Protein backbone atom coordinates (compact mmCIF):
# COMPACT_ATOMS: atom_id res chain seq x y z
CA UNK A 1 0.00 0.00 0.00
CA UNK A 2 1.48 3.34 -1.00
CA UNK A 3 1.30 6.46 1.14
CA UNK A 4 -1.26 7.93 -1.28
CA UNK A 5 -3.57 4.91 -0.73
CA UNK A 6 -3.66 5.29 3.05
CA UNK A 7 -6.65 6.98 4.57
CA UNK A 8 -6.17 9.55 7.27
CA UNK A 9 -7.93 8.46 10.45
CA UNK A 10 -11.12 10.34 11.11
CA UNK A 11 -11.05 12.64 14.14
CA UNK A 12 -12.32 10.96 17.31
CA UNK A 13 -15.93 11.78 18.08
CA UNK A 14 -15.75 13.32 21.56
CA UNK A 15 -19.51 13.03 22.14
CA UNK A 16 -18.86 9.62 23.71
CA UNK A 17 -16.54 11.01 26.39
CA UNK A 18 -17.85 10.29 29.85
CA UNK A 19 -16.36 10.18 33.32
CA UNK A 20 -16.06 7.24 35.67
CA UNK A 21 -18.87 8.72 37.78
CA UNK A 22 -21.21 9.05 34.79
CA UNK A 23 -20.50 5.46 33.73
CA UNK A 24 -21.12 4.26 37.28
CA UNK A 25 -24.52 5.99 37.31
CA UNK A 26 -25.38 4.36 33.96
CA UNK A 27 -24.39 0.92 35.25
CA UNK A 28 -26.39 1.34 38.46
CA UNK A 29 -29.48 2.27 36.44
CA UNK A 30 -29.17 -0.11 33.50
CA UNK A 31 -26.80 -2.97 34.33
CA UNK A 32 -26.85 -3.90 38.02
CA UNK A 33 -23.61 -5.38 39.26
CA UNK A 34 -23.26 -9.13 38.81
CA UNK A 35 -20.36 -11.52 39.38
CA UNK A 36 -18.08 -12.30 36.46
CA UNK A 37 -19.63 -15.05 34.28
CA UNK A 38 -16.21 -16.66 33.84
CA UNK A 39 -14.72 -16.81 37.36
CA UNK A 40 -17.59 -15.80 39.67
CA UNK A 41 -15.67 -12.94 41.34
CA UNK A 42 -17.47 -9.59 41.66
CA UNK A 43 -14.58 -7.12 41.22
CA UNK A 44 -14.78 -4.92 38.11
CA UNK A 45 -12.53 -2.13 36.79
CA UNK A 46 -13.48 0.60 34.33
CA UNK A 47 -11.33 1.56 31.39
CA UNK A 48 -10.11 4.73 33.10
CA UNK A 49 -7.52 6.74 31.18
CA UNK A 50 -4.06 6.11 32.64
CA UNK A 51 -2.29 8.87 34.51
CA UNK A 52 -3.57 11.67 36.69
CA UNK A 53 -7.36 11.25 36.76
CA UNK A 54 -7.81 14.81 38.05
CA UNK A 55 -6.32 16.12 34.77
CA UNK A 56 -8.11 13.61 32.51
CA UNK A 57 -11.19 12.13 34.21
CA UNK A 58 -12.59 10.48 31.07
CA UNK A 59 -12.89 6.76 30.43
CA UNK A 60 -10.94 5.24 27.58
CA UNK A 61 -13.04 4.34 24.57
CA UNK A 62 -12.41 1.02 22.88
CA UNK A 63 -13.10 0.64 19.17
CA UNK A 64 -14.60 -2.57 17.82
CA UNK A 65 -13.92 -2.83 14.07
CA UNK A 66 -16.80 -3.92 11.87
CA UNK A 67 -16.53 -6.92 9.57
CA UNK A 68 -16.22 -6.05 5.88
CA UNK A 69 -16.41 -2.31 6.57
CA UNK A 70 -14.16 0.55 7.61
CA UNK A 71 -16.56 1.53 10.41
CA UNK A 72 -15.88 1.03 14.10
CA UNK A 73 -18.16 0.83 17.14
CA UNK A 74 -17.03 2.92 20.13
CA UNK A 75 -17.25 1.01 23.41
CA UNK A 76 -16.89 1.51 27.14
CA UNK A 77 -15.64 -1.54 28.99
CA UNK A 78 -15.50 -3.19 32.38
CA UNK A 79 -12.87 -5.83 33.04
CA UNK A 80 -12.78 -8.45 35.78
CA UNK A 81 -9.84 -7.76 38.07
CA UNK A 82 -9.52 -11.48 38.78
CA UNK A 83 -9.55 -13.19 35.36
CA UNK A 84 -9.60 -10.34 32.81
CA UNK A 85 -13.01 -11.08 31.27
CA UNK A 86 -14.26 -7.94 29.49
CA UNK A 87 -17.84 -6.63 29.30
CA UNK A 88 -18.58 -4.11 26.54
CA UNK A 89 -21.18 -1.33 26.44
CA UNK A 90 -22.07 0.80 23.41
CA UNK A 91 -20.52 4.24 23.96
CA UNK A 92 -23.33 5.78 21.89
CA UNK A 93 -26.06 4.29 24.09
CA UNK A 94 -24.21 5.13 27.32
CA UNK A 95 -23.55 8.70 26.13
CA UNK A 96 -27.20 9.19 25.13
CA UNK A 97 -28.33 7.95 28.56
CA UNK A 98 -25.87 10.26 30.34
CA UNK A 99 -27.14 13.28 28.36
CA UNK A 100 -30.78 12.45 29.16
CA UNK A 101 -30.05 11.85 32.83
CA UNK A 102 -27.63 14.67 33.59
C-alpha atoms as a PDB file:
ATOM      1  CA  UNK A   1       0.000   0.000   0.000  1.00  0.00           C
ATOM      2  CA  UNK A   2       1.476   3.345  -0.997  1.00  0.00           C
ATOM      3  CA  UNK A   3       1.298   6.463   1.140  1.00  0.00           C
ATOM      4  CA  UNK A   4      -1.256   7.930  -1.278  1.00  0.00           C
ATOM      5  CA  UNK A   5      -3.571   4.910  -0.729  1.00  0.00           C
ATOM      6  CA  UNK A   6      -3.655   5.291   3.046  1.00  0.00           C
ATOM      7  CA  UNK A   7      -6.655   6.979   4.572  1.00  0.00           C
ATOM      8  CA  UNK A   8      -6.170   9.555   7.270  1.00  0.00           C
ATOM      9  CA  UNK A   9      -7.925   8.464  10.450  1.00  0.00           C
ATOM     10  CA  UNK A  10     -11.118  10.340  11.110  1.00  0.00           C
ATOM     11  CA  UNK A  11     -11.045  12.638  14.142  1.00  0.00           C
ATOM     12  CA  UNK A  12     -12.324  10.960  17.310  1.00  0.00           C
ATOM     13  CA  UNK A  13     -15.925  11.780  18.084  1.00  0.00           C
ATOM     14  CA  UNK A  14     -15.751  13.320  21.558  1.00  0.00           C
ATOM     15  CA  UNK A  15     -19.507  13.029  22.139  1.00  0.00           C
ATOM     16  CA  UNK A  16     -18.857   9.617  23.708  1.00  0.00           C
ATOM     17  CA  UNK A  17     -16.537  11.006  26.386  1.00  0.00           C
ATOM     18  CA  UNK A  18     -17.849  10.292  29.852  1.00  0.00           C
ATOM     19  CA  UNK A  19     -16.356  10.184  33.319  1.00  0.00           C
ATOM     20  CA  UNK A  20     -16.060   7.236  35.667  1.00  0.00           C
ATOM     21  CA  UNK A  21     -18.871   8.723  37.784  1.00  0.00           C
ATOM     22  CA  UNK A  22     -21.212   9.048  34.792  1.00  0.00           C
ATOM     23  CA  UNK A  23     -20.504   5.458  33.728  1.00  0.00           C
ATOM     24  CA  UNK A  24     -21.117   4.258  37.282  1.00  0.00           C
ATOM     25  CA  UNK A  25     -24.523   5.994  37.308  1.00  0.00           C
ATOM     26  CA  UNK A  26     -25.384   4.365  33.962  1.00  0.00           C
ATOM     27  CA  UNK A  27     -24.386   0.919  35.250  1.00  0.00           C
ATOM     28  CA  UNK A  28     -26.386   1.335  38.465  1.00  0.00           C
ATOM     29  CA  UNK A  29     -29.478   2.267  36.443  1.00  0.00           C
ATOM     30  CA  UNK A  30     -29.174  -0.113  33.504  1.00  0.00           C
ATOM     31  CA  UNK A  31     -26.804  -2.972  34.331  1.00  0.00           C
ATOM     32  CA  UNK A  32     -26.854  -3.900  38.015  1.00  0.00           C
ATOM     33  CA  UNK A  33     -23.605  -5.382  39.255  1.00  0.00           C
ATOM     34  CA  UNK A  34     -23.258  -9.132  38.805  1.00  0.00           C
ATOM     35  CA  UNK A  35     -20.358 -11.517  39.384  1.00  0.00           C
ATOM     36  CA  UNK A  36     -18.081 -12.297  36.456  1.00  0.00           C
ATOM     37  CA  UNK A  37     -19.630 -15.045  34.283  1.00  0.00           C
ATOM     38  CA  UNK A  38     -16.205 -16.662  33.842  1.00  0.00           C
ATOM     39  CA  UNK A  39     -14.720 -16.810  37.362  1.00  0.00           C
ATOM     40  CA  UNK A  40     -17.594 -15.800  39.673  1.00  0.00           C
ATOM     41  CA  UNK A  41     -15.669 -12.943  41.342  1.00  0.00           C
ATOM     42  CA  UNK A  42     -17.468  -9.592  41.660  1.00  0.00           C
ATOM     43  CA  UNK A  43     -14.576  -7.120  41.217  1.00  0.00           C
ATOM     44  CA  UNK A  44     -14.776  -4.923  38.113  1.00  0.00           C
ATOM     45  CA  UNK A  45     -12.528  -2.133  36.791  1.00  0.00           C
ATOM     46  CA  UNK A  46     -13.484   0.598  34.335  1.00  0.00           C
ATOM     47  CA  UNK A  47     -11.329   1.557  31.389  1.00  0.00           C
ATOM     48  CA  UNK A  48     -10.107   4.733  33.099  1.00  0.00           C
ATOM     49  CA  UNK A  49      -7.517   6.742  31.179  1.00  0.00           C
ATOM     50  CA  UNK A  50      -4.059   6.109  32.643  1.00  0.00           C
ATOM     51  CA  UNK A  51      -2.291   8.873  34.506  1.00  0.00           C
ATOM     52  CA  UNK A  52      -3.568  11.665  36.694  1.00  0.00           C
ATOM     53  CA  UNK A  53      -7.357  11.251  36.764  1.00  0.00           C
ATOM     54  CA  UNK A  54      -7.805  14.810  38.048  1.00  0.00           C
ATOM     55  CA  UNK A  55      -6.321  16.123  34.770  1.00  0.00           C
ATOM     56  CA  UNK A  56      -8.115  13.612  32.506  1.00  0.00           C
ATOM     57  CA  UNK A  57     -11.188  12.132  34.211  1.00  0.00           C
ATOM     58  CA  UNK A  58     -12.588  10.476  31.072  1.00  0.00           C
ATOM     59  CA  UNK A  59     -12.892   6.764  30.431  1.00  0.00           C
ATOM     60  CA  UNK A  60     -10.941   5.235  27.582  1.00  0.00           C
ATOM     61  CA  UNK A  61     -13.037   4.341  24.569  1.00  0.00           C
ATOM     62  CA  UNK A  62     -12.414   1.019  22.876  1.00  0.00           C
ATOM     63  CA  UNK A  63     -13.098   0.641  19.173  1.00  0.00           C
ATOM     64  CA  UNK A  64     -14.595  -2.568  17.820  1.00  0.00           C
ATOM     65  CA  UNK A  65     -13.923  -2.833  14.068  1.00  0.00           C
ATOM     66  CA  UNK A  66     -16.796  -3.921  11.873  1.00  0.00           C
ATOM     67  CA  UNK A  67     -16.530  -6.919   9.570  1.00  0.00           C
ATOM     68  CA  UNK A  68     -16.218  -6.055   5.882  1.00  0.00           C
ATOM     69  CA  UNK A  69     -16.406  -2.308   6.566  1.00  0.00           C
ATOM     70  CA  UNK A  70     -14.158   0.551   7.608  1.00  0.00           C
ATOM     71  CA  UNK A  71     -16.556   1.530  10.408  1.00  0.00           C
ATOM     72  CA  UNK A  72     -15.885   1.029  14.101  1.00  0.00           C
ATOM     73  CA  UNK A  73     -18.164   0.835  17.142  1.00  0.00           C
ATOM     74  CA  UNK A  74     -17.028   2.924  20.127  1.00  0.00           C
ATOM     75  CA  UNK A  75     -17.255   1.009  23.413  1.00  0.00           C
ATOM     76  CA  UNK A  76     -16.892   1.505  27.140  1.00  0.00           C
ATOM     77  CA  UNK A  77     -15.639  -1.542  28.990  1.00  0.00           C
ATOM     78  CA  UNK A  78     -15.500  -3.193  32.380  1.00  0.00           C
ATOM     79  CA  UNK A  79     -12.868  -5.832  33.037  1.00  0.00           C
ATOM     80  CA  UNK A  80     -12.782  -8.447  35.781  1.00  0.00           C
ATOM     81  CA  UNK A  81      -9.839  -7.758  38.068  1.00  0.00           C
ATOM     82  CA  UNK A  82      -9.517 -11.484  38.778  1.00  0.00           C
ATOM     83  CA  UNK A  83      -9.548 -13.194  35.359  1.00  0.00           C
ATOM     84  CA  UNK A  84      -9.596 -10.343  32.811  1.00  0.00           C
ATOM     85  CA  UNK A  85     -13.009 -11.084  31.274  1.00  0.00           C
ATOM     86  CA  UNK A  86     -14.260  -7.937  29.495  1.00  0.00           C
ATOM     87  CA  UNK A  87     -17.840  -6.626  29.303  1.00  0.00           C
ATOM     88  CA  UNK A  88     -18.578  -4.110  26.536  1.00  0.00           C
ATOM     89  CA  UNK A  89     -21.179  -1.334  26.440  1.00  0.00           C
ATOM     90  CA  UNK A  90     -22.074   0.804  23.413  1.00  0.00           C
ATOM     91  CA  UNK A  91     -20.517   4.244  23.959  1.00  0.00           C
ATOM     92  CA  UNK A  92     -23.328   5.777  21.889  1.00  0.00           C
ATOM     93  CA  UNK A  93     -26.062   4.287  24.088  1.00  0.00           C
ATOM     94  CA  UNK A  94     -24.206   5.134  27.316  1.00  0.00           C
ATOM     95  CA  UNK A  95     -23.548   8.698  26.128  1.00  0.00           C
ATOM     96  CA  UNK A  96     -27.196   9.187  25.130  1.00  0.00           C
ATOM     97  CA  UNK A  97     -28.329   7.951  28.556  1.00  0.00           C
ATOM     98  CA  UNK A  98     -25.871  10.262  30.342  1.00  0.00           C
ATOM     99  CA  UNK A  99     -27.138  13.276  28.359  1.00  0.00           C
ATOM    100  CA  UNK A 100     -30.780  12.447  29.158  1.00  0.00           C
ATOM    101  CA  UNK A 101     -30.052  11.846  32.833  1.00  0.00           C
ATOM    102  CA  UNK A 102     -27.627  14.673  33.591  1.00  0.00           C
END
